[in-house]
Structure formats: C-alpha cells, structure tokens
C-alpha cells in the first residue's frame, strides 16, 4: 500500500467501510512477504558483508558452513559414483549368471524331452513285443494241434515247416525288441543322470551367485546409508545457513537509510529488492495506522 492507497482506506475507515480484521490480514500477509524478501536479500548479499562490523561474524560463519557443505557434497558425489559403479557390477554379474542359468534350463528341458521320447519308444517296443509274443504262441498252438491230430502228408509237413520258420523269425524279433528296450532304458538312465547334474549345477550356481554378490549388496547398502546421512548433514547445515542469511538480510533491511558507505555499497547492488522491502515496510506501517483509525 502506498500513501494514496492509505488515504483512500483511511477515508473508508472513518466512514465505517474498513474492517479491522481485514487490515490485520493484510499486515500478516505483507509481513510474511517482507520476511521472505529479507531472507532473499541475505542470501544474495552475504558475500559482500565481510567489512560490515555487525555482520562480519555471520559472513565467516556462512563461509565456514559453505565449505563444510562443499566437502560433504564432494563426499556424497564420490559415494554416489562408487555406489552406481557397484550397482552396475552387480547387475552385470546377475545378467551373466541368468544367461548361464537359462542355458542350463534349456539343456535340461531338451534332455527331458529326449527322455520322454525314449520312454515313448519303449512303450511302442513293449507293445510290439506283446504282439510278437502273441503271434508266437498262436504258431506254437498250431504246431501242437497238428502234432496231436497226427496229420501226415507232404502238405502237412510243408505247413509245419513254414510255421516253425515263422516262429523262429518271431523269436528273433522278440529278442531284438528286448535288446532295444534294454538299450533305450540305459539311455534314459544316462539322461536322468545328466538332468540331475544340470539341476545340481543350477543349484550350485545360484548359491555361488548369492555368495559372490553378498559383499556387493552389503557395500551398496552401506554406501546408500552414508549418502542419506551426508544428505541429512547438508540439509542441517543449510538450515543453519538460512538463519544467518536472515540475520544478514534483516540487518540490511533495518539499515536501508544508513550513511555507512560499506552498507550503502552492498545495498546498491540490490536496488530492486530494496525497493520492494521499502514498499512493504511502508504498507505494513500504513495498515497498522488504519487499524487504529478503525477502532475510533
């Protein structure tokens, strides 16, 4: 509020048009803005207040806090870079391990399919063996019947000979089927052993990966905690700096009309901000006067 605005509001207050609570709301709002402006002034002007006797202590305090923060930021950056490198290393190891595990799983799946194929072959062979056995027994029954009936003649002899030859072939086929079943059974056992070996390799690989990455995970966790601690310390120092910034800004704000050449040089660098501070100081003063007018 400027002087003209004060005059208008003052007339309104005398006519009963201004509420005291509105004036106090404006005072509170503008006081907050003034406080923020003084804080900003302190943040901007502190590097130049070393030669102001009343503020030299704050200057060196802020400078020391800046150096502490810079040291902590450097430590934090180094810890963060180390942490990211360890995470990359961990991810690379896990990626390589997963590729190995996937290869083992694919080999295991392939060998299990091979074993199932062999089992199906054995079932087929067993079916053929039973069929061969059935045919053999039928021929055997035929020979027994022919011999029991005592049929003679060249035709009977030829039929008997043909039947015996057929039985010999069936016997040979039966023996071959048994041999192939035994061979495929041996193959299945070998595949099962191979699959068991792949399972062991997978289990051992996972245990080995966990052991190898345990140290990395522990170091990553430690560094993450350190980064968080450093961030908290930097934040605490920033809060302390803010208090000194406000002290600097408040002092300068209260000495806007000082004749000290050192203070004048500092204020001249921030003319626009000083103008805002002057405006709000006057506006607050006008609103305070209006509250007194409103009470009358």
C-alpha atoms as a PDB file:
ATOM      1  CA  UNK A   1       0.000   0.000   0.000  1.00  0.00           C
ATOM      2  CA  UNK A   2       1.298   3.465  -0.909  1.00  0.00           C
ATOM      3  CA  UNK A   3       0.327   6.886   0.531  1.00  0.00           C
ATOM      4  CA  UNK A   4      -2.589   7.342  -1.888  1.00  0.00           C
ATOM      5  CA  UNK A   5      -3.975   3.944  -1.005  1.00  0.00           C
ATOM      6  CA  UNK A   6      -3.597   4.767   2.667  1.00  0.00           C
ATOM      7  CA  UNK A   7      -5.582   7.984   2.181  1.00  0.00           C
ATOM      8  CA  UNK A   8      -8.451   6.137   0.437  1.00  0.00           C
ATOM      9  CA  UNK A   9      -8.595   3.391   3.053  1.00  0.00           C
ATOM     10  CA  UNK A  10      -8.377   5.934   5.830  1.00  0.00           C
ATOM     11  CA  UNK A  11     -11.433   7.750   4.452  1.00  0.00           C
ATOM     12  CA  UNK A  12     -13.252   4.459   4.147  1.00  0.00           C
ATOM     13  CA  UNK A  13     -12.370   3.522   7.713  1.00  0.00           C
ATOM     14  CA  UNK A  14     -13.742   6.799   9.025  1.00  0.00           C
ATOM     15  CA  UNK A  15     -16.958   6.108   7.142  1.00  0.00           C
ATOM     16  CA  UNK A  16     -17.122   2.619   8.641  1.00  0.00           C
ATOM     17  CA  UNK A  17     -16.230   0.881   5.395  1.00  0.00           C
ATOM     18  CA  UNK A  18     -12.982  -0.754   6.560  1.00  0.00           C
ATOM     19  CA  UNK A  19     -12.892  -3.788   8.824  1.00  0.00           C
ATOM     20  CA  UNK A  20     -10.052  -4.030  11.337  1.00  0.00           C
ATOM     21  CA  UNK A  21      -9.656  -7.760  10.715  1.00  0.00           C
ATOM     22  CA  UNK A  22      -9.026  -7.062   7.015  1.00  0.00           C
ATOM     23  CA  UNK A  23      -6.194  -4.723   7.946  1.00  0.00           C
ATOM     24  CA  UNK A  24      -4.613  -7.341  10.253  1.00  0.00           C
ATOM     25  CA  UNK A  25      -4.891  -9.975   7.492  1.00  0.00           C
ATOM     26  CA  UNK A  26      -3.061  -7.607   5.150  1.00  0.00           C
ATOM     27  CA  UNK A  27      -0.419  -6.921   7.816  1.00  0.00           C
ATOM     28  CA  UNK A  28       0.203 -10.635   8.333  1.00  0.00           C
ATOM     29  CA  UNK A  29       0.410 -11.299   4.590  1.00  0.00           C
ATOM     30  CA  UNK A  30       2.770  -8.411   3.918  1.00  0.00           C
ATOM     31  CA  UNK A  31       4.907  -9.243   6.959  1.00  0.00           C
ATOM     32  CA  UNK A  32       5.404 -12.740   5.524  1.00  0.00           C
ATOM     33  CA  UNK A  33       6.376 -11.262   2.154  1.00  0.00           C
ATOM     34  CA  UNK A  34       8.762  -8.850   3.873  1.00  0.00           C
ATOM     35  CA  UNK A  35      10.372 -11.700   5.800  1.00  0.00           C
ATOM     36  CA  UNK A  36      10.891 -13.661   2.587  1.00  0.00           C
ATOM     37  CA  UNK A  37      12.372 -10.578   0.894  1.00  0.00           C
ATOM     38  CA  UNK A  38      14.789 -10.051   3.785  1.00  0.00           C
ATOM     39  CA  UNK A  39      15.806 -13.697   3.646  1.00  0.00           C
ATOM     40  CA  UNK A  40      16.444 -13.416  -0.093  1.00  0.00           C
ATOM     41  CA  UNK A  41      18.444 -10.237   0.467  1.00  0.00           C
ATOM     42  CA  UNK A  42      20.609 -12.063   2.995  1.00  0.00           C
ATOM     43  CA  UNK A  43      21.211 -14.981   0.591  1.00  0.00           C
ATOM     44  CA  UNK A  44      22.224 -12.602  -2.189  1.00  0.00           C
ATOM     45  CA  UNK A  45      24.214 -10.054  -0.181  1.00  0.00           C
ATOM     46  CA  UNK A  46      26.149 -12.128   2.348  1.00  0.00           C
ATOM     47  CA  UNK A  47      29.340 -12.484   0.206  1.00  0.00           C
ATOM     48  CA  UNK A  48      29.722  -8.677   0.378  1.00  0.00           C
ATOM     49  CA  UNK A  49      29.203  -8.066   4.121  1.00  0.00           C
ATOM     50  CA  UNK A  50      32.664  -9.110   5.340  1.00  0.00           C
ATOM     51  CA  UNK A  51      33.641  -5.487   6.011  1.00  0.00           C
ATOM     52  CA  UNK A  52      30.432  -4.623   7.906  1.00  0.00           C
ATOM     53  CA  UNK A  53      31.412  -4.944  11.557  1.00  0.00           C
ATOM     54  CA  UNK A  54      27.933  -6.007  12.693  1.00  0.00           C
ATOM     55  CA  UNK A  55      27.810  -8.782  10.079  1.00  0.00           C
ATOM     56  CA  UNK A  56      31.423  -9.967   9.792  1.00  0.00           C
ATOM     57  CA  UNK A  57      30.717 -12.813  12.239  1.00  0.00           C
ATOM     58  CA  UNK A  58      27.776 -14.028  10.139  1.00  0.00           C
ATOM     59  CA  UNK A  59      29.900 -13.745   6.994  1.00  0.00           C
ATOM     60  CA  UNK A  60      32.596 -16.065   8.354  1.00  0.00           C
ATOM     61  CA  UNK A  61      30.002 -18.439   9.805  1.00  0.00           C
ATOM     62  CA  UNK A  62      28.233 -18.738   6.439  1.00  0.00           C
ATOM     63  CA  UNK A  63      31.552 -19.158   4.640  1.00  0.00           C
ATOM     64  CA  UNK A  64      32.557 -21.953   7.019  1.00  0.00           C
ATOM     65  CA  UNK A  65      29.181 -23.644   6.531  1.00  0.00           C
ATOM     66  CA  UNK A  66      29.570 -23.341   2.738  1.00  0.00           C
ATOM     67  CA  UNK A  67      32.961 -25.066   2.926  1.00  0.00           C
ATOM     68  CA  UNK A  68      31.541 -27.821   5.144  1.00  0.00           C
ATOM     69  CA  UNK A  69      28.689 -28.334   2.698  1.00  0.00           C
ATOM     70  CA  UNK A  70      31.046 -28.437  -0.271  1.00  0.00           C
ATOM     71  CA  UNK A  71      33.171 -31.065   1.471  1.00  0.00           C
ATOM     72  CA  UNK A  72      30.068 -33.124   2.292  1.00  0.00           C
ATOM     73  CA  UNK A  73      28.756 -32.752  -1.283  1.00  0.00           C
ATOM     74  CA  UNK A  74      32.085 -33.984  -2.638  1.00  0.00           C
ATOM     75  CA  UNK A  75      31.952 -36.988  -0.311  1.00  0.00           C
ATOM     76  CA  UNK A  76      28.361 -37.623  -1.334  1.00  0.00           C
ATOM     77  CA  UNK A  77      29.208 -37.443  -5.046  1.00  0.00           C
ATOM     78  CA  UNK A  78      32.113 -39.864  -4.595  1.00  0.00           C
ATOM     79  CA  UNK A  79      29.953 -42.260  -2.581  1.00  0.00           C
ATOM     80  CA  UNK A  80      27.175 -41.995  -5.162  1.00  0.00           C
ATOM     81  CA  UNK A  81      29.576 -42.655  -8.054  1.00  0.00           C
ATOM     82  CA  UNK A  82      31.016 -45.662  -6.216  1.00  0.00           C
ATOM     83  CA  UNK A  83      27.510 -46.892  -5.416  1.00  0.00           C
ATOM     84  CA  UNK A  84      26.398 -46.633  -9.057  1.00  0.00           C
ATOM     85  CA  UNK A  85      29.534 -48.483 -10.199  1.00  0.00           C
ATOM     86  CA  UNK A  86      28.842 -51.283  -7.707  1.00  0.00           C
ATOM     87  CA  UNK A  87      25.204 -51.473  -8.845  1.00  0.00           C
ATOM     88  CA  UNK A  88      26.356 -51.769 -12.457  1.00  0.00           C
ATOM     89  CA  UNK A  89      28.805 -54.502 -11.440  1.00  0.00           C
ATOM     90  CA  UNK A  90      26.070 -56.318  -9.515  1.00  0.00           C
ATOM     91  CA  UNK A  91      23.612 -56.083 -12.423  1.00  0.00           C
ATOM     92  CA  UNK A  92      26.257 -57.343 -14.868  1.00  0.00           C
ATOM     93  CA  UNK A  93      27.060 -60.366 -12.697  1.00  0.00           C
ATOM     94  CA  UNK A  94      23.387 -61.157 -12.261  1.00  0.00           C
ATOM     95  CA  UNK A  95      22.799 -60.761 -16.009  1.00  0.00           C
ATOM     96  CA  UNK A  96      25.664 -63.112 -16.882  1.00  0.00           C
ATOM     97  CA  UNK A  97      24.518 -65.610 -14.254  1.00  0.00           C
ATOM     98  CA  UNK A  98      20.942 -65.528 -15.549  1.00  0.00           C
ATOM     99  CA  UNK A  99      22.214 -66.207 -19.058  1.00  0.00           C
ATOM    100  CA  UNK A 100      24.113 -69.252 -17.764  1.00  0.00           C
ATOM    101  CA  UNK A 101      21.088 -70.413 -15.790  1.00  0.00           C
ATOM    102  CA  UNK A 102      18.847 -70.013 -18.835  1.00  0.00           C
ATOM    103  CA  UNK A 103      21.266 -72.072 -20.934  1.00  0.00           C
ATOM    104  CA  UNK A 104      21.248 -74.812 -18.284  1.00  0.00           C
ATOM    105  CA  UNK A 105      17.441 -74.757 -18.102  1.00  0.00           C
ATOM    106  CA  UNK A 106      17.187 -75.075 -21.876  1.00  0.00           C
ATOM    107  CA  UNK A 107      19.620 -78.016 -21.873  1.00  0.00           C
ATOM    108  CA  UNK A 108      17.665 -79.648 -19.063  1.00  0.00           C
ATOM    109  CA  UNK A 109      14.373 -79.138 -20.913  1.00  0.00           C
ATOM    110  CA  UNK A 110      15.876 -80.608 -24.106  1.00  0.00           C
ATOM    111  CA  UNK A 111      17.232 -83.687 -22.336  1.00  0.00           C
ATOM    112  CA  UNK A 112      13.929 -84.239 -20.535  1.00  0.00           C
ATOM    113  CA  UNK A 113      12.175 -84.165 -23.914  1.00  0.00           C
ATOM    114  CA  UNK A 114      14.734 -86.713 -25.157  1.00  0.00           C
ATOM    115  CA  UNK A 115      13.956 -88.930 -22.155  1.00  0.00           C
ATOM    116  CA  UNK A 116      10.223 -88.691 -22.854  1.00  0.00           C
ATOM    117  CA  UNK A 117      10.879 -89.662 -26.467  1.00  0.00           C
ATOM    118  CA  UNK A 118      12.843 -92.717 -25.350  1.00  0.00           C
ATOM    119  CA  UNK A 119      10.054 -93.675 -22.956  1.00  0.00           C
ATOM    120  CA  UNK A 120       7.524 -93.485 -25.771  1.00  0.00           C
ATOM    121  CA  UNK A 121       9.794 -95.661 -27.921  1.00  0.00           C
ATOM    122  CA  UNK A 122       9.996 -98.250 -25.128  1.00  0.00           C
ATOM    123  CA  UNK A 123       6.220 -98.276 -24.761  1.00  0.00           C
ATOM    124  CA  UNK A 124       5.923 -98.870 -28.512  1.00  0.00           C
ATOM    125  CA  UNK A 125       8.515-101.665 -28.337  1.00  0.00           C
ATOM    126  CA  UNK A 126       6.699-103.270 -25.449  1.00  0.00           C
ATOM    127  CA  UNK A 127       3.519-103.202 -27.488  1.00  0.00           C
ATOM    128  CA  UNK A 128       5.282-104.834 -30.444  1.00  0.00           C
ATOM    129  CA  UNK A 129       6.886-107.377 -28.127  1.00  0.00           C
ATOM    130  CA  UNK A 130       3.491-108.393 -26.763  1.00  0.00           C
ATOM    131  CA  UNK A 131       2.149-108.650 -30.303  1.00  0.00           C
ATOM    132  CA  UNK A 132       5.144-110.788 -31.323  1.00  0.00           C
ATOM    133  CA  UNK A 133       4.688-112.970 -28.266  1.00  0.00           C
ATOM    134  CA  UNK A 134       1.014-113.413 -29.093  1.00  0.00           C
ATOM    135  CA  UNK A 135       1.809-114.440 -32.684  1.00  0.00           C
ATOM    136  CA  UNK A 136       4.494-116.856 -31.457  1.00  0.00           C
ATOM    137  CA  UNK A 137       2.090-118.525 -29.030  1.00  0.00           C
ATOM    138  CA  UNK A 138      -0.521-118.830 -31.776  1.00  0.00           C
ATOM    139  CA  UNK A 139       2.004-120.614 -34.023  1.00  0.00           C
ATOM    140  CA  UNK A 140       3.041-122.831 -31.115  1.00  0.00           C
ATOM    141  CA  UNK A 141      -0.593-123.788 -30.542  1.00  0.00           C
ATOM    142  CA  UNK A 142      -0.962-124.551 -34.249  1.00  0.00           C
ATOM    143  CA  UNK A 143       2.043-126.928 -34.217  1.00  0.00           C
ATOM    144  CA  UNK A 144       0.824-128.634 -31.049  1.00  0.00           C
ATOM    145  CA  UNK A 145      -2.583-129.149 -32.593  1.00  0.00           C
ATOM    146  CA  UNK A 146      -1.153-130.534 -35.814  1.00  0.00           C
ATOM    147  CA  UNK A 147       1.097-132.950 -33.931  1.00  0.00           C
ATOM    148  CA  UNK A 148      -1.717-134.028 -31.640  1.00  0.00           C
ATOM    149  CA  UNK A 149      -4.053-134.755 -34.516  1.00  0.00           C
ATOM    150  CA  UNK A 150      -1.257-136.776 -36.124  1.00  0.00           C
ATOM    151  CA  UNK A 151      -1.959-135.410 -39.608  1.00  0.00           C
ATOM    152  CA  UNK A 152       0.567-136.646 -42.183  1.00  0.00           C
ATOM    153  CA  UNK A 153       1.419-135.906 -45.755  1.00  0.00           C
ATOM    154  CA  UNK A 154       3.569-133.602 -47.743  1.00  0.00           C
ATOM    155  CA  UNK A 155       1.187-130.657 -47.324  1.00  0.00           C
ATOM    156  CA  UNK A 156       1.181-131.021 -43.572  1.00  0.00           C
ATOM    157  CA  UNK A 157       4.964-131.216 -43.447  1.00  0.00           C
ATOM    158  CA  UNK A 158       5.300-128.054 -45.545  1.00  0.00           C
ATOM    159  CA  UNK A 159       2.830-126.176 -43.310  1.00  0.00           C
ATOM    160  CA  UNK A 160       4.632-127.346 -40.222  1.00  0.00           C
ATOM    161  CA  UNK A 161       7.963-126.199 -41.629  1.00  0.00           C
ATOM    162  CA  UNK A 162       6.523-122.768 -42.576  1.00  0.00           C
ATOM    163  CA  UNK A 163       5.107-122.359 -39.078  1.00  0.00           C
ATOM    164  CA  UNK A 164       8.403-123.260 -37.436  1.00  0.00           C
ATOM    165  CA  UNK A 165      10.254-120.760 -39.649  1.00  0.00           C
ATOM    166  CA  UNK A 166       7.725-118.052 -38.738  1.00  0.00           C
ATOM    167  CA  UNK A 167       8.218-118.888 -35.062  1.00  0.00           C
ATOM    168  CA  UNK A 168      11.968-118.609 -35.469  1.00  0.00           C
ATOM    169  CA  UNK A 169      11.611-115.154 -37.024  1.00  0.00           C
ATOM    170  CA  UNK A 170       9.233-114.063 -34.263  1.00  0.00           C
ATOM    171  CA  UNK A 171      11.648-115.350 -31.652  1.00  0.00           C
ATOM    172  CA  UNK A 172      14.458-113.381 -33.263  1.00  0.00           C
ATOM    173  CA  UNK A 173      12.284-110.247 -33.444  1.00  0.00           C
ATOM    174  CA  UNK A 174      11.260-110.708 -29.820  1.00  0.00           C
ATOM    175  CA  UNK A 175      14.917-110.933 -28.825  1.00  0.00           C
ATOM    176  CA  UNK A 176      15.726-107.813 -30.877  1.00  0.00           C
ATOM    177  CA  UNK A 177      12.895-105.904 -29.214  1.00  0.00           C
ATOM    178  CA  UNK A 178      14.132-106.893 -25.775  1.00  0.00           C
ATOM    179  CA  UNK A 179      17.657-105.779 -26.670  1.00  0.00           C
ATOM    180  CA  UNK A 180      16.423-102.430 -27.959  1.00  0.00           C
ATOM    181  CA  UNK A 181      14.294-101.909 -24.837  1.00  0.00           C
ATOM    182  CA  UNK A 182      17.326-102.575 -22.636  1.00  0.00           C
ATOM    183  CA  UNK A 183      19.457-100.177 -24.737  1.00  0.00           C
ATOM    184  CA  UNK A 184      16.882 -97.392 -24.552  1.00  0.00           C
ATOM    185  CA  UNK A 185      16.462 -97.979 -20.815  1.00  0.00           C
ATOM    186  CA  UNK A 186      20.196 -97.453 -20.390  1.00  0.00           C
ATOM    187  CA  UNK A 187      19.925 -94.246 -22.456  1.00  0.00           C
ATOM    188  CA  UNK A 188      17.093 -93.000 -20.224  1.00  0.00           C
ATOM    189  CA  UNK A 189      19.161 -93.650 -17.121  1.00  0.00           C
ATOM    190  CA  UNK A 190      22.038 -91.693 -18.649  1.00  0.00           C
ATOM    191  CA  UNK A 191      19.707 -88.792 -19.491  1.00  0.00           C
ATOM    192  CA  UNK A 192      18.266 -88.829 -15.976  1.00  0.00           C
ATOM    193  CA  UNK A 193      21.778 -88.617 -14.543  1.00  0.00           C
ATOM    194  CA  UNK A 194      22.558 -85.742 -16.893  1.00  0.00           C
ATOM    195  CA  UNK A 195      19.384 -83.902 -15.854  1.00  0.00           C
ATOM    196  CA  UNK A 196      20.256 -84.444 -12.181  1.00  0.00           C
ATOM    197  CA  UNK A 197      23.712 -82.998 -12.901  1.00  0.00           C
ATOM    198  CA  UNK A 198      22.151 -79.955 -14.546  1.00  0.00           C
ATOM    199  CA  UNK A 199      19.892 -79.494 -11.509  1.00  0.00           C
ATOM    200  CA  UNK A 200      22.936 -79.615  -9.227  1.00  0.00           C
ATOM    201  CA  UNK A 201      24.761 -77.138 -11.450  1.00  0.00           C
ATOM    202  CA  UNK A 202      21.790 -74.761 -11.307  1.00  0.00           C
ATOM    203  CA  UNK A 203      21.519 -75.026  -7.517  1.00  0.00           C
ATOM    204  CA  UNK A 204      25.254 -74.593  -7.013  1.00  0.00           C
ATOM    205  CA  UNK A 205      25.330 -71.683  -9.474  1.00  0.00           C
ATOM    206  CA  UNK A 206      22.557 -69.841  -7.624  1.00  0.00           C
ATOM    207  CA  UNK A 207      24.299 -70.422  -4.287  1.00  0.00           C
ATOM    208  CA  UNK A 208      27.598 -69.235  -5.759  1.00  0.00           C
ATOM    209  CA  UNK A 209      25.942 -66.112  -7.213  1.00  0.00           C
ATOM    210  CA  UNK A 210      24.376 -65.301  -3.853  1.00  0.00           C
ATOM    211  CA  UNK A 211      27.752 -65.711  -2.143  1.00  0.00           C
ATOM    212  CA  UNK A 212      29.557 -63.615  -4.770  1.00  0.00           C
ATOM    213  CA  UNK A 213      27.003 -60.779  -4.655  1.00  0.00           C
ATOM    214  CA  UNK A 214      26.569 -60.727  -0.871  1.00  0.00           C
ATOM    215  CA  UNK A 215      29.587 -58.447  -0.484  1.00  0.00           C
ATOM    216  CA  UNK A 216      28.385 -56.153  -3.271  1.00  0.00           C
ATOM    217  CA  UNK A 217      24.901 -55.890  -1.774  1.00  0.00           C
ATOM    218  CA  UNK A 218      26.343 -55.129   1.665  1.00  0.00           C
ATOM    219  CA  UNK A 219      28.623 -52.412   0.259  1.00  0.00           C
ATOM    220  CA  UNK A 220      25.762 -50.905  -1.769  1.00  0.00           C
ATOM    221  CA  UNK A 221      23.590 -50.825   1.354  1.00  0.00           C
ATOM    222  CA  UNK A 222      26.405 -49.205   3.371  1.00  0.00           C
ATOM    223  CA  UNK A 223      27.032 -46.548   0.731  1.00  0.00           C
ATOM    224  CA  UNK A 224      23.304 -45.825   0.368  1.00  0.00           C
ATOM    225  CA  UNK A 225      23.100 -45.231   4.124  1.00  0.00           C
ATOM    226  CA  UNK A 226      26.178 -42.999   4.004  1.00  0.00           C
ATOM    227  CA  UNK A 227      24.698 -40.956   1.136  1.00  0.00           C
ATOM    228  CA  UNK A 228      21.483 -40.497   3.152  1.00  0.00           C
ATOM    229  CA  UNK A 229      23.491 -39.443   6.235  1.00  0.00           C
ATOM    230  CA  UNK A 230      25.519 -36.949   4.196  1.00  0.00           C
ATOM    231  CA  UNK A 231      22.335 -35.532   2.670  1.00  0.00           C
ATOM    232  CA  UNK A 232      20.877 -35.068   6.169  1.00  0.00           C
ATOM    233  CA  UNK A 233      24.030 -33.268   7.332  1.00  0.00           C
ATOM    234  CA  UNK A 234      23.981 -30.998   4.270  1.00  0.00           C
ATOM    235  CA  UNK A 235      20.337 -30.208   4.990  1.00  0.00           C
ATOM    236  CA  UNK A 236      21.090 -29.408   8.632  1.00  0.00           C
ATOM    237  CA  UNK A 237      23.903 -27.053   7.588  1.00  0.00           C
ATOM    238  CA  UNK A 238      21.537 -25.410   5.076  1.00  0.00           C
ATOM    239  CA  UNK A 239      19.053 -24.727   7.883  1.00  0.00           C
ATOM    240  CA  UNK A 240      21.805 -23.115   9.957  1.00  0.00           C
ATOM    241  CA  UNK A 241      22.895 -21.053   6.950  1.00  0.00           C
ATOM    242  CA  UNK A 242      19.303 -19.896   6.466  1.00  0.00           C
ATOM    243  CA  UNK A 243      19.307 -18.457   9.985  1.00  0.00           C
ATOM    244  CA  UNK A 244      22.471 -16.468   9.247  1.00  0.00           C
ATOM    245  CA  UNK A 245      21.084 -15.388   5.851  1.00  0.00           C
ATOM    246  CA  UNK A 246      18.011 -13.978   7.531  1.00  0.00           C
ATOM    247  CA  UNK A 247      20.138 -12.190  10.142  1.00  0.00           C
ATOM    248  CA  UNK A 248      22.147 -10.547   7.356  1.00  0.00           C
ATOM    249  CA  UNK A 249      19.044  -9.621   5.349  1.00  0.00           C
ATOM    250  CA  UNK A 250      17.176  -8.311   8.391  1.00  0.00           C
ATOM    251  CA  UNK A 251      20.107  -6.121   9.428  1.00  0.00           C
ATOM    252  CA  UNK A 252      20.438  -4.650   5.948  1.00  0.00           C
ATOM    253  CA  UNK A 253      16.667  -4.142   5.759  1.00  0.00           C
ATOM    254  CA  UNK A 254      16.755  -2.208   9.035  1.00  0.00           C
ATOM    255  CA  UNK A 255      19.665  -0.085   7.797  1.00  0.00           C
ATOM    256  CA  UNK A 256      18.384   0.856   4.352  1.00  0.00           C
ATOM    257  CA  UNK A 257      18.978   4.547   5.051  1.00  0.00           C
ATOM    258  CA  UNK A 258      22.366   4.052   6.702  1.00  0.00           C
ATOM    259  CA  UNK A 259      25.119   6.516   5.798  1.00  0.00           C
ATOM    260  CA  UNK A 260      27.795   3.883   6.258  1.00  0.00           C
ATOM    261  CA  UNK A 261      29.492   3.701   2.822  1.00  0.00           C
ATOM    262  CA  UNK A 262      30.127  -0.040   3.174  1.00  0.00           C
ATOM    263  CA  UNK A 263      26.438  -0.762   3.855  1.00  0.00           C
ATOM    264  CA  UNK A 264      25.433   1.637   1.062  1.00  0.00           C
ATOM    265  CA  UNK A 265      27.639  -0.212  -1.469  1.00  0.00           C
ATOM    266  CA  UNK A 266      26.070  -3.539  -0.500  1.00  0.00           C
ATOM    267  CA  UNK A 267      22.504  -2.211  -0.734  1.00  0.00           C
ATOM    268  CA  UNK A 268      23.159  -0.502  -4.071  1.00  0.00           C
ATOM    269  CA  UNK A 269      23.818  -3.919  -5.668  1.00  0.00           C
ATOM    270  CA  UNK A 270      20.245  -4.996  -4.826  1.00  0.00           C
ATOM    271  CA  UNK A 271      18.260  -1.819  -5.553  1.00  0.00           C
ATOM    272  CA  UNK A 272      15.207  -3.635  -6.979  1.00  0.00           C
ATOM    273  CA  UNK A 273      14.871  -5.889  -3.945  1.00  0.00           C
ATOM    274  CA  UNK A 274      15.462  -2.935  -1.597  1.00  0.00           C
ATOM    275  CA  UNK A 275      12.628  -1.079  -3.331  1.00  0.00           C
ATOM    276  CA  UNK A 276      10.264  -3.959  -2.598  1.00  0.00           C
ATOM    277  CA  UNK A 277      11.350  -4.051   1.043  1.00  0.00           C
ATOM    278  CA  UNK A 278      10.768  -0.303   1.389  1.00  0.00           C
ATOM    279  CA  UNK A 279       7.338  -0.679  -0.215  1.00  0.00           C
ATOM    280  CA  UNK A 280       6.221  -3.441   2.148  1.00  0.00           C
ATOM    281  CA  UNK A 281       7.621  -1.699   5.232  1.00  0.00           C
ATOM    282  CA  UNK A 282       5.592   1.378   4.388  1.00  0.00           C
ATOM    283  CA  UNK A 283       2.493  -0.675   3.516  1.00  0.00           C
ATOM    284  CA  UNK A 284       2.663  -2.508   6.851  1.00  0.00           C
ATOM    285  CA  UNK A 285       3.026   0.830   8.666  1.00  0.00           C
ATOM    286  CA  UNK A 286       0.005   2.265   6.810  1.00  0.00           C
ATOM    287  CA  UNK A 287      -2.113  -0.807   7.629  1.00  0.00           C
ATOM    288  CA  UNK A 288      -1.132  -0.576  11.292  1.00  0.00           C
ATOM    289  CA  UNK A 289      -2.228   3.061  11.359  1.00  0.00           C
ATOM    290  CA  UNK A 290      -5.511   2.071   9.681  1.00  0.00           C
ATOM    291  CA  UNK A 291      -6.235  -0.465  12.443  1.00  0.00           C
ATOM    292  CA  UNK A 292      -6.009   2.385  14.952  1.00  0.00           C
ATOM    293  CA  UNK A 293      -8.315   4.512  12.810  1.00  0.00           C
ATOM    294  CA  UNK A 294     -10.827   1.642  12.567  1.00  0.00           C
ATOM    295  CA  UNK A 295     -11.003   1.400  16.390  1.00  0.00           C
ATOM    296  CA  UNK A 296     -12.074   5.022  16.792  1.00  0.00           C
END
